[in-house]
All heavy atoms as atom14 arrays in JSON, in Angstrom:
{
  "sequence": "GGTFGDYAAGWFRQTPGDEREFVAAISRIGGITDYGNSVKGRFTISR",
  "atom14_mask": [
    [1, 1, 1, 1, 0, 0, 0, 0, 0, 0, 0, 0, 0, 0],
    [1, 1, 1, 1, 0, 0, 0, 0, 0, 0, 0, 0, 0, 0],
    [1, 1, 1, 1, 1, 1, 1, 0, 0, 0, 0, 0, 0, 0],
    [1, 1, 1, 1, 1, 1, 1, 1, 1, 1, 1, 0, 0, 0],
    [1, 1, 1, 1, 0, 0, 0, 0, 0, 0, 0, 0, 0, 0],
    [1, 1, 1, 1, 1, 1, 1, 1, 0, 0, 0, 0, 0, 0],
    [1, 1, 1, 1, 1, 1, 1, 1, 1, 1, 1, 1, 0, 0],
    [1, 1, 1, 1, 1, 0, 0, 0, 0, 0, 0, 0, 0, 0],
    [1, 1, 1, 1, 1, 0, 0, 0, 0, 0, 0, 0, 0, 0],
    [1, 1, 1, 1, 0, 0, 0, 0, 0, 0, 0, 0, 0, 0],
    [1, 1, 1, 1, 1, 1, 1, 1, 1, 1, 1, 1, 1, 1],
    [1, 1, 1, 1, 1, 1, 1, 1, 1, 1, 1, 0, 0, 0],
    [1, 1, 1, 1, 1, 1, 1, 1, 1, 1, 1, 0, 0, 0],
    [1, 1, 1, 1, 1, 1, 1, 1, 1, 0, 0, 0, 0, 0],
    [1, 1, 1, 1, 1, 1, 1, 0, 0, 0, 0, 0, 0, 0],
    [1, 1, 1, 1, 1, 1, 1, 0, 0, 0, 0, 0, 0, 0],
    [1, 1, 1, 1, 0, 0, 0, 0, 0, 0, 0, 0, 0, 0],
    [1, 1, 1, 1, 1, 1, 1, 1, 0, 0, 0, 0, 0, 0],
    [1, 1, 1, 1, 1, 1, 1, 1, 1, 0, 0, 0, 0, 0],
    [1, 1, 1, 1, 1, 1, 1, 1, 1, 1, 1, 0, 0, 0],
    [1, 1, 1, 1, 1, 1, 1, 1, 1, 0, 0, 0, 0, 0],
    [1, 1, 1, 1, 1, 1, 1, 1, 1, 1, 1, 0, 0, 0],
    [1, 1, 1, 1, 1, 1, 1, 0, 0, 0, 0, 0, 0, 0],
    [1, 1, 1, 1, 1, 0, 0, 0, 0, 0, 0, 0, 0, 0],
    [1, 1, 1, 1, 1, 0, 0, 0, 0, 0, 0, 0, 0, 0],
    [1, 1, 1, 1, 1, 1, 1, 1, 0, 0, 0, 0, 0, 0],
    [1, 1, 1, 1, 1, 1, 0, 0, 0, 0, 0, 0, 0, 0],
    [1, 1, 1, 1, 1, 1, 1, 1, 1, 1, 1, 0, 0, 0],
    [1, 1, 1, 1, 1, 1, 1, 1, 0, 0, 0, 0, 0, 0],
    [1, 1, 1, 1, 0, 0, 0, 0, 0, 0, 0, 0, 0, 0],
    [1, 1, 1, 1, 0, 0, 0, 0, 0, 0, 0, 0, 0, 0],
    [1, 1, 1, 1, 1, 1, 1, 1, 0, 0, 0, 0, 0, 0],
    [1, 1, 1, 1, 1, 1, 1, 0, 0, 0, 0, 0, 0, 0],
    [1, 1, 1, 1, 1, 1, 1, 1, 0, 0, 0, 0, 0, 0],
    [1, 1, 1, 1, 1, 1, 1, 1, 1, 1, 1, 1, 0, 0],
    [1, 1, 1, 1, 0, 0, 0, 0, 0, 0, 0, 0, 0, 0],
    [1, 1, 1, 1, 1, 1, 1, 1, 0, 0, 0, 0, 0, 0],
    [1, 1, 1, 1, 1, 1, 0, 0, 0, 0, 0, 0, 0, 0],
    [1, 1, 1, 1, 1, 1, 1, 0, 0, 0, 0, 0, 0, 0],
    [1, 1, 1, 1, 1, 1, 1, 1, 1, 0, 0, 0, 0, 0],
    [1, 1, 1, 1, 0, 0, 0, 0, 0, 0, 0, 0, 0, 0],
    [1, 1, 1, 1, 1, 1, 1, 1, 1, 1, 1, 0, 0, 0],
    [1, 1, 1, 1, 1, 1, 1, 1, 1, 1, 1, 0, 0, 0],
    [1, 1, 1, 1, 1, 1, 1, 0, 0, 0, 0, 0, 0, 0],
    [1, 1, 1, 1, 1, 1, 1, 1, 0, 0, 0, 0, 0, 0],
    [1, 1, 1, 1, 1, 1, 0, 0, 0, 0, 0, 0, 0, 0],
    [1, 1, 1, 1, 1, 1, 1, 1, 1, 1, 1, 0, 0, 0]
  ],
  "atom14_positions": [
    [[15.06, 2.88, -11.83], [15.86, 1.69, -12.03], [15.09, 0.48, -12.52], [15.63, -0.62, -12.62], [0.0, 0.0, 0.0], [0.0, 0.0, 0.0], [0.0, 0.0, 0.0], [0.0, 0.0, 0.0], [0.0, 0.0, 0.0], [0.0, 0.0, 0.0], [0.0, 0.0, 0.0], [0.0, 0.0, 0.0], [0.0, 0.0, 0.0], [0.0, 0.0, 0.0]],
    [[13.82, 0.67, -12.8], [13.01, -0.44, -13.27], [11.75, 0.09, -13.92], [11.5, 1.3, -13.91], [0.0, 0.0, 0.0], [0.0, 0.0, 0.0], [0.0, 0.0, 0.0], [0.0, 0.0, 0.0], [0.0, 0.0, 0.0], [0.0, 0.0, 0.0], [0.0, 0.0, 0.0], [0.0, 0.0, 0.0], [0.0, 0.0, 0.0], [0.0, 0.0, 0.0]],
    [[10.95, -0.78, -14.46], [9.68, -0.39, -15.08], [8.59, -0.53, -14.03], [8.21, -1.65, -13.66], [9.37, -1.28, -16.29], [10.46, -1.18, -17.23], [8.08, -0.85, -16.94], [0.0, 0.0, 0.0], [0.0, 0.0, 0.0], [0.0, 0.0, 0.0], [0.0, 0.0, 0.0], [0.0, 0.0, 0.0], [0.0, 0.0, 0.0], [0.0, 0.0, 0.0]],
    [[8.11, 0.6, -13.55], [7.17, 0.58, -12.42], [5.93, -0.24, -12.71], [5.36, -0.88, -11.84], [6.8, 2.01, -12.05], [5.94, 2.13, -10.83], [6.26, 1.44, -9.67], [4.8, 2.93, -10.84], [5.46, 1.55, -8.55], [4.01, 3.04, -9.72], [4.33, 2.35, -8.57], [0.0, 0.0, 0.0], [0.0, 0.0, 0.0], [0.0, 0.0, 0.0]],
    [[5.52, -0.25, -13.97], [4.35, -1.02, -14.33], [4.51, -2.52, -14.14], [3.51, -3.26, -14.15], [0.0, 0.0, 0.0], [0.0, 0.0, 0.0], [0.0, 0.0, 0.0], [0.0, 0.0, 0.0], [0.0, 0.0, 0.0], [0.0, 0.0, 0.0], [0.0, 0.0, 0.0], [0.0, 0.0, 0.0], [0.0, 0.0, 0.0], [0.0, 0.0, 0.0]],
    [[5.71, -2.99, -13.94], [5.96, -4.41, -13.7], [5.82, -4.8, -12.23], [5.92, -5.98, -11.89], [7.39, -4.77, -14.14], [7.56, -4.73, -15.64], [6.54, -4.74, -16.37], [8.72, -4.68, -16.11], [0.0, 0.0, 0.0], [0.0, 0.0, 0.0], [0.0, 0.0, 0.0], [0.0, 0.0, 0.0], [0.0, 0.0, 0.0], [0.0, 0.0, 0.0]],
    [[5.57, -3.8, -11.38], [5.61, -4.05, -9.94], [4.25, -3.88, -9.25], [3.56, -2.88, -9.47], [6.57, -3.07, -9.27], [7.98, -3.14, -9.79], [8.59, -2.01, -10.33], [8.7, -4.32, -9.74], [9.89, -2.06, -10.81], [10.0, -4.38, -10.21], [10.59, -3.26, -10.74], [11.87, -3.32, -11.21], [0.0, 0.0, 0.0], [0.0, 0.0, 0.0]],
    [[3.91, -4.84, -8.42], [2.87, -4.6, -7.43], [3.49, -3.71, -6.36], [4.7, -3.78, -6.11], [2.4, -5.91, -6.82], [0.0, 0.0, 0.0], [0.0, 0.0, 0.0], [0.0, 0.0, 0.0], [0.0, 0.0, 0.0], [0.0, 0.0, 0.0], [0.0, 0.0, 0.0], [0.0, 0.0, 0.0], [0.0, 0.0, 0.0], [0.0, 0.0, 0.0]],
    [[2.68, -2.89, -5.69], [3.26, -1.92, -4.76], [2.37, -1.76, -3.53], [1.19, -2.16, -3.52], [3.44, -0.58, -5.45], [0.0, 0.0, 0.0], [0.0, 0.0, 0.0], [0.0, 0.0, 0.0], [0.0, 0.0, 0.0], [0.0, 0.0, 0.0], [0.0, 0.0, 0.0], [0.0, 0.0, 0.0], [0.0, 0.0, 0.0], [0.0, 0.0, 0.0]],
    [[2.96, -1.17, -2.5], [2.2, -0.97, -1.28], [2.81, 0.08, -0.38], [3.92, 0.56, -0.63], [0.0, 0.0, 0.0], [0.0, 0.0, 0.0], [0.0, 0.0, 0.0], [0.0, 0.0, 0.0], [0.0, 0.0, 0.0], [0.0, 0.0, 0.0], [0.0, 0.0, 0.0], [0.0, 0.0, 0.0], [0.0, 0.0, 0.0], [0.0, 0.0, 0.0]],
    [[2.07, 0.43, 0.64], [2.52, 1.35, 1.69], [2.43, 0.64, 3.03], [1.46, -0.04, 3.32], [1.65, 2.6, 1.73], [1.84, 3.54, 0.59], [1.09, 3.62, -0.56], [2.84, 4.57, 0.48], [1.56, 4.61, -1.37], [2.63, 5.22, -0.76], [3.88, 5.0, 1.3], [3.43, 6.28, -1.18], [4.67, 6.06, 0.88], [4.44, 6.68, -0.35]],
    [[3.44, 0.87, 3.85], [3.48, 0.35, 5.2], [3.91, 1.49, 6.12], [4.47, 2.48, 5.68], [4.48, -0.81, 5.31], [4.06, -2.02, 4.54], [4.21, -2.08, 3.16], [3.51, -3.11, 5.19], [3.81, -3.2, 2.44], [3.11, -4.24, 4.48], [3.27, -4.28, 3.11], [0.0, 0.0, 0.0], [0.0, 0.0, 0.0], [0.0, 0.0, 0.0]],
    [[3.65, 1.33, 7.41], [4.09, 2.36, 8.35], [4.63, 1.69, 9.61], [4.3, 0.55, 9.93], [2.96, 3.31, 8.68], [1.78, 2.7, 9.43], [0.63, 3.71, 9.54], [-0.47, 3.2, 10.33], [-1.65, 3.82, 10.47], [-1.85, 5.0, 9.85], [-2.6, 3.3, 11.2], [0.0, 0.0, 0.0], [0.0, 0.0, 0.0], [0.0, 0.0, 0.0]],
    [[5.47, 2.45, 10.3], [6.09, 1.9, 11.5], [6.38, 3.02, 12.48], [6.82, 4.11, 12.1], [7.38, 1.16, 11.14], [7.96, 0.36, 12.27], [8.98, -0.66, 11.8], [9.55, -0.54, 10.71], [9.23, -1.67, 12.62], [0.0, 0.0, 0.0], [0.0, 0.0, 0.0], [0.0, 0.0, 0.0], [0.0, 0.0, 0.0], [0.0, 0.0, 0.0]],
    [[6.13, 2.74, 13.75], [6.5, 3.64, 14.83], [7.55, 2.95, 15.69], [7.6, 1.71, 15.72], [5.29, 4.03, 15.68], [4.64, 2.83, 16.14], [4.29, 4.83, 14.86], [0.0, 0.0, 0.0], [0.0, 0.0, 0.0], [0.0, 0.0, 0.0], [0.0, 0.0, 0.0], [0.0, 0.0, 0.0], [0.0, 0.0, 0.0], [0.0, 0.0, 0.0]],
    [[8.38, 3.7, 16.4], [9.43, 3.08, 17.22], [8.86, 2.08, 18.21], [7.9, 2.36, 18.92], [10.05, 4.28, 17.94], [9.79, 5.44, 17.05], [8.46, 5.16, 16.43], [0.0, 0.0, 0.0], [0.0, 0.0, 0.0], [0.0, 0.0, 0.0], [0.0, 0.0, 0.0], [0.0, 0.0, 0.0], [0.0, 0.0, 0.0], [0.0, 0.0, 0.0]],
    [[9.43, 0.9, 18.22], [9.01, -0.12, 19.15], [7.84, -0.96, 18.69], [7.49, -1.94, 19.34], [0.0, 0.0, 0.0], [0.0, 0.0, 0.0], [0.0, 0.0, 0.0], [0.0, 0.0, 0.0], [0.0, 0.0, 0.0], [0.0, 0.0, 0.0], [0.0, 0.0, 0.0], [0.0, 0.0, 0.0], [0.0, 0.0, 0.0], [0.0, 0.0, 0.0]],
    [[7.25, -0.58, 17.56], [6.12, -1.33, 17.04], [6.5, -2.1, 15.78], [7.47, -1.75, 15.1], [4.95, -0.4, 16.71], [4.32, 0.15, 17.97], [4.46, -0.48, 19.04], [3.68, 1.22, 17.9], [0.0, 0.0, 0.0], [0.0, 0.0, 0.0], [0.0, 0.0, 0.0], [0.0, 0.0, 0.0], [0.0, 0.0, 0.0], [0.0, 0.0, 0.0]],
    [[5.71, -3.09, 15.46], [5.92, -3.82, 14.22], [5.44, -3.0, 13.04], [4.6, -2.12, 13.17], [5.17, -5.16, 14.27], [5.72, -6.13, 15.29], [5.06, -7.49, 15.19], [4.14, -7.65, 14.37], [5.46, -8.4, 15.93], [0.0, 0.0, 0.0], [0.0, 0.0, 0.0], [0.0, 0.0, 0.0], [0.0, 0.0, 0.0], [0.0, 0.0, 0.0]],
    [[5.98, -3.32, 11.89], [5.54, -2.69, 10.66], [4.07, -3.02, 10.4], [3.65, -4.16, 10.55], [6.41, -3.18, 9.5], [6.11, -2.57, 8.17], [7.18, -2.99, 7.18], [7.28, -4.43, 7.09], [8.37, -5.06, 6.65], [9.43, -4.36, 6.26], [8.4, -6.37, 6.57], [0.0, 0.0, 0.0], [0.0, 0.0, 0.0], [0.0, 0.0, 0.0]],
    [[3.31, -2.03, 10.03], [1.88, -2.19, 9.81], [1.53, -2.0, 8.35], [1.95, -1.02, 7.72], [1.1, -1.19, 10.66], [-0.41, -1.24, 10.49], [-1.14, -0.12, 11.21], [-0.48, 0.77, 11.77], [-2.4, -0.13, 11.18], [0.0, 0.0, 0.0], [0.0, 0.0, 0.0], [0.0, 0.0, 0.0], [0.0, 0.0, 0.0], [0.0, 0.0, 0.0]],
    [[0.75, -2.89, 7.82], [0.25, -2.77, 6.44], [-0.74, -1.61, 6.36], [-1.65, -1.5, 7.18], [-0.42, -4.06, 6.01], [-1.24, -3.92, 4.76], [-0.63, -3.69, 3.54], [-2.62, -4.01, 4.82], [-1.39, -3.55, 2.39], [-3.39, -3.88, 3.68], [-2.77, -3.65, 2.46], [0.0, 0.0, 0.0], [0.0, 0.0, 0.0], [0.0, 0.0, 0.0]],
    [[-0.56, -0.76, 5.36], [-1.46, 0.37, 5.15], [-2.32, 0.18, 3.91], [-3.55, 0.25, 3.97], [-0.66, 1.69, 5.04], [-1.59, 2.86, 4.7], [0.1, 1.97, 6.33], [0.0, 0.0, 0.0], [0.0, 0.0, 0.0], [0.0, 0.0, 0.0], [0.0, 0.0, 0.0], [0.0, 0.0, 0.0], [0.0, 0.0, 0.0], [0.0, 0.0, 0.0]],
    [[-1.68, -0.06, 2.77], [-2.44, -0.18, 1.52], [-1.59, -0.9, 0.49], [-0.36, -0.86, 0.54], [-2.85, 1.2, 1.0], [0.0, 0.0, 0.0], [0.0, 0.0, 0.0], [0.0, 0.0, 0.0], [0.0, 0.0, 0.0], [0.0, 0.0, 0.0], [0.0, 0.0, 0.0], [0.0, 0.0, 0.0], [0.0, 0.0, 0.0], [0.0, 0.0, 0.0]],
    [[-2.26, -1.54, -0.46], [-1.57, -2.24, -1.54], [-2.34, -2.05, -2.84], [-3.56, -1.83, -2.82], [-1.44, -3.73, -1.21], [0.0, 0.0, 0.0], [0.0, 0.0, 0.0], [0.0, 0.0, 0.0], [0.0, 0.0, 0.0], [0.0, 0.0, 0.0], [0.0, 0.0, 0.0], [0.0, 0.0, 0.0], [0.0, 0.0, 0.0], [0.0, 0.0, 0.0]],
    [[-1.61, -2.17, -3.93], [-2.23, -1.96, -5.24], [-1.58, -2.89, -6.25], [-0.39, -3.17, -6.2], [-2.07, -0.47, -5.65], [-2.91, -0.15, -6.88], [-0.6, -0.11, -5.86], [-3.04, 1.35, -7.14], [0.0, 0.0, 0.0], [0.0, 0.0, 0.0], [0.0, 0.0, 0.0], [0.0, 0.0, 0.0], [0.0, 0.0, 0.0], [0.0, 0.0, 0.0]],
    [[-2.4, -3.37, -7.19], [-1.9, -4.26, -8.22], [-1.15, -3.47, -9.28], [-1.15, -2.25, -9.3], [-3.07, -5.01, -8.86], [-3.97, -4.08, -9.44], [0.0, 0.0, 0.0], [0.0, 0.0, 0.0], [0.0, 0.0, 0.0], [0.0, 0.0, 0.0], [0.0, 0.0, 0.0], [0.0, 0.0, 0.0], [0.0, 0.0, 0.0], [0.0, 0.0, 0.0]],
    [[-0.54, -4.19, -10.2], [0.29, -3.55, -11.23], [-0.47, -2.55, -12.07], [0.02, -1.48, -12.39], [0.9, -4.61, -12.13], [2.08, -5.32, -11.56], [2.54, -6.43, -12.49], [2.77, -5.92, -13.84], [3.0, -6.7, -14.88], [3.01, -8.02, -14.75], [3.21, -6.17, -16.07], [0.0, 0.0, 0.0], [0.0, 0.0, 0.0], [0.0, 0.0, 0.0]],
    [[-1.69, -2.9, -12.44], [-2.44, -1.99, -13.31], [-3.3, -1.03, -12.53], [-4.01, -0.21, -13.1], [-3.3, -2.78, -14.32], [-4.31, -3.66, -13.58], [-2.42, -3.57, -15.27], [-5.32, -4.31, -14.52], [0.0, 0.0, 0.0], [0.0, 0.0, 0.0], [0.0, 0.0, 0.0], [0.0, 0.0, 0.0], [0.0, 0.0, 0.0], [0.0, 0.0, 0.0]],
    [[-3.27, -1.14, -11.2], [-3.92, -0.15, -10.37], [-5.39, -0.35, -10.11], [-5.99, 0.41, -9.37], [0.0, 0.0, 0.0], [0.0, 0.0, 0.0], [0.0, 0.0, 0.0], [0.0, 0.0, 0.0], [0.0, 0.0, 0.0], [0.0, 0.0, 0.0], [0.0, 0.0, 0.0], [0.0, 0.0, 0.0], [0.0, 0.0, 0.0], [0.0, 0.0, 0.0]],
    [[-5.98, -1.34, -10.71], [-7.41, -1.48, -10.54], [-7.83, -2.23, -9.3], [-8.99, -2.22, -8.91], [0.0, 0.0, 0.0], [0.0, 0.0, 0.0], [0.0, 0.0, 0.0], [0.0, 0.0, 0.0], [0.0, 0.0, 0.0], [0.0, 0.0, 0.0], [0.0, 0.0, 0.0], [0.0, 0.0, 0.0], [0.0, 0.0, 0.0], [0.0, 0.0, 0.0]],
    [[-6.89, -2.89, -8.65], [-7.2, -3.72, -7.48], [-6.4, -3.2, -6.3], [-5.17, -3.08, -6.38], [-6.86, -5.19, -7.76], [-7.64, -5.68, -8.98], [-7.18, -6.06, -6.54], [-7.28, -7.07, -9.43], [0.0, 0.0, 0.0], [0.0, 0.0, 0.0], [0.0, 0.0, 0.0], [0.0, 0.0, 0.0], [0.0, 0.0, 0.0], [0.0, 0.0, 0.0]],
    [[-7.11, -2.9, -5.22], [-6.46, -2.32, -4.04], [-6.96, -3.0, -2.77], [-8.02, -3.65, -2.76], [-6.74, -0.82, -3.93], [-8.16, -0.6, -3.85], [-6.2, -0.06, -5.14], [0.0, 0.0, 0.0], [0.0, 0.0, 0.0], [0.0, 0.0, 0.0], [0.0, 0.0, 0.0], [0.0, 0.0, 0.0], [0.0, 0.0, 0.0], [0.0, 0.0, 0.0]],
    [[-6.23, -2.81, -1.71], [-6.64, -3.3, -0.4], [-6.06, -2.37, 0.65], [-5.04, -1.7, 0.41], [-6.15, -4.73, -0.17], [-6.84, -5.38, 1.01], [-7.93, -4.91, 1.39], [-6.29, -6.35, 1.57], [0.0, 0.0, 0.0], [0.0, 0.0, 0.0], [0.0, 0.0, 0.0], [0.0, 0.0, 0.0], [0.0, 0.0, 0.0], [0.0, 0.0, 0.0]],
    [[-6.72, -2.33, 1.83], [-6.32, -1.39, 2.87], [-6.32, -2.06, 4.23], [-7.11, -2.98, 4.49], [-7.28, -0.19, 2.9], [-7.27, 0.62, 1.64], [-8.13, 0.31, 0.58], [-6.38, 1.67, 1.47], [-8.11, 1.04, -0.59], [-6.35, 2.41, 0.3], [-7.21, 2.08, -0.73], [-7.18, 2.81, -1.89], [0.0, 0.0, 0.0], [0.0, 0.0, 0.0]],
    [[-5.46, -1.55, 5.11], [-5.51, -1.98, 6.48], [-6.79, -1.47, 7.14], [-7.32, -0.42, 6.75], [0.0, 0.0, 0.0], [0.0, 0.0, 0.0], [0.0, 0.0, 0.0], [0.0, 0.0, 0.0], [0.0, 0.0, 0.0], [0.0, 0.0, 0.0], [0.0, 0.0, 0.0], [0.0, 0.0, 0.0], [0.0, 0.0, 0.0], [0.0, 0.0, 0.0]],
    [[-7.28, -2.19, 8.11], [-8.55, -1.84, 8.74], [-8.54, -0.43, 9.35], [-9.57, 0.26, 9.34], [-8.91, -2.86, 9.81], [-9.31, -4.19, 9.23], [-9.79, -4.27, 8.1], [-9.1, -5.26, 9.98], [0.0, 0.0, 0.0], [0.0, 0.0, 0.0], [0.0, 0.0, 0.0], [0.0, 0.0, 0.0], [0.0, 0.0, 0.0], [0.0, 0.0, 0.0]],
    [[-7.39, -0.02, 9.86], [-7.33, 1.26, 10.55], [-7.39, 2.46, 9.6], [-7.6, 3.59, 10.05], [-6.06, 1.35, 11.4], [-4.91, 1.24, 10.59], [0.0, 0.0, 0.0], [0.0, 0.0, 0.0], [0.0, 0.0, 0.0], [0.0, 0.0, 0.0], [0.0, 0.0, 0.0], [0.0, 0.0, 0.0], [0.0, 0.0, 0.0], [0.0, 0.0, 0.0]],
    [[-7.2, 2.23, 8.29], [-7.19, 3.35, 7.35], [-8.3, 3.26, 6.31], [-8.46, 4.18, 5.5], [-5.83, 3.47, 6.64], [-4.7, 3.54, 7.66], [-5.61, 2.33, 5.65], [0.0, 0.0, 0.0], [0.0, 0.0, 0.0], [0.0, 0.0, 0.0], [0.0, 0.0, 0.0], [0.0, 0.0, 0.0], [0.0, 0.0, 0.0], [0.0, 0.0, 0.0]],
    [[-9.06, 2.19, 6.31], [-10.12, 2.04, 5.32], [-11.1, 3.2, 5.38], [-11.53, 3.61, 6.46], [-10.87, 0.72, 5.55], [-10.18, -0.49, 4.97], [-10.99, -1.75, 5.2], [-10.26, -2.97, 4.64], [-10.98, -4.23, 4.91], [0.0, 0.0, 0.0], [0.0, 0.0, 0.0], [0.0, 0.0, 0.0], [0.0, 0.0, 0.0], [0.0, 0.0, 0.0]],
    [[-11.42, 3.72, 4.22], [-12.35, 4.83, 4.15], [-11.7, 6.19, 4.3], [-12.32, 7.21, 4.05], [0.0, 0.0, 0.0], [0.0, 0.0, 0.0], [0.0, 0.0, 0.0], [0.0, 0.0, 0.0], [0.0, 0.0, 0.0], [0.0, 0.0, 0.0], [0.0, 0.0, 0.0], [0.0, 0.0, 0.0], [0.0, 0.0, 0.0], [0.0, 0.0, 0.0]],
    [[-10.43, 6.21, 4.72], [-9.72, 7.49, 4.91], [-8.53, 7.64, 3.96], [-8.21, 8.75, 3.55], [-9.21, 7.61, 6.34], [-10.31, 7.58, 7.38], [-9.76, 7.91, 8.77], [-8.77, 6.94, 9.23], [-7.53, 7.25, 9.56], [-7.1, 8.5, 9.5], [-6.7, 6.31, 9.97], [0.0, 0.0, 0.0], [0.0, 0.0, 0.0], [0.0, 0.0, 0.0]],
    [[-7.89, 6.54, 3.62], [-6.69, 6.58, 2.77], [-7.03, 5.99, 1.39], [-7.86, 5.07, 1.28], [-5.56, 5.76, 3.38], [-4.94, 6.36, 4.62], [-5.52, 7.42, 5.29], [-3.76, 5.85, 5.11], [-4.94, 7.97, 6.43], [-3.15, 6.37, 6.24], [-3.76, 7.43, 6.91], [0.0, 0.0, 0.0], [0.0, 0.0, 0.0], [0.0, 0.0, 0.0]],
    [[-6.34, 6.49, 0.38], [-6.52, 5.98, -0.97], [-5.14, 5.79, -1.62], [-4.35, 6.74, -1.68], [-7.35, 6.93, -1.83], [-8.62, 7.15, -1.22], [-7.57, 6.35, -3.22], [0.0, 0.0, 0.0], [0.0, 0.0, 0.0], [0.0, 0.0, 0.0], [0.0, 0.0, 0.0], [0.0, 0.0, 0.0], [0.0, 0.0, 0.0], [0.0, 0.0, 0.0]],
    [[-4.89, 4.59, -2.09], [-3.65, 4.31, -2.81], [-3.93, 4.39, -4.3], [-4.99, 3.98, -4.79], [-3.08, 2.92, -2.42], [-1.69, 2.72, -3.03], [-4.04, 1.81, -2.8], [-0.99, 1.46, -2.52], [0.0, 0.0, 0.0], [0.0, 0.0, 0.0], [0.0, 0.0, 0.0], [0.0, 0.0, 0.0], [0.0, 0.0, 0.0], [0.0, 0.0, 0.0]],
    [[-2.96, 4.95, -5.03], [-3.1, 5.03, -6.48], [-1.71, 5.03, -7.09], [-0.7, 5.15, -6.38], [-3.87, 6.29, -6.88], [-3.18, 7.46, -6.47], [0.0, 0.0, 0.0], [0.0, 0.0, 0.0], [0.0, 0.0, 0.0], [0.0, 0.0, 0.0], [0.0, 0.0, 0.0], [0.0, 0.0, 0.0], [0.0, 0.0, 0.0], [0.0, 0.0, 0.0]],
    [[-1.66, 4.94, -8.41], [-0.37, 4.9, -9.08], [-0.47, 5.52, -10.46], [-1.54, 5.49, -11.09], [0.15, 3.47, -9.17], [-0.7, 2.55, -10.0], [-0.27, 1.09, -9.82], [1.08, 0.87, -10.33], [1.83, -0.17, -9.98], [1.38, -1.07, -9.14], [3.04, -0.32, -10.49], [0.0, 0.0, 0.0], [0.0, 0.0, 0.0], [0.0, 0.0, 0.0]]
  ]
}
């Protein structure tokens, strides 16, 4: 429904009773990323 390349994107996670937690984010062109502390070094975001 849109041009994905126009969007910054990210992943979040949530467990029942907990707040939504940031996991990873990526810029539109994919070269810039960031990760939550609990997943750094283990998870990789890409597009």
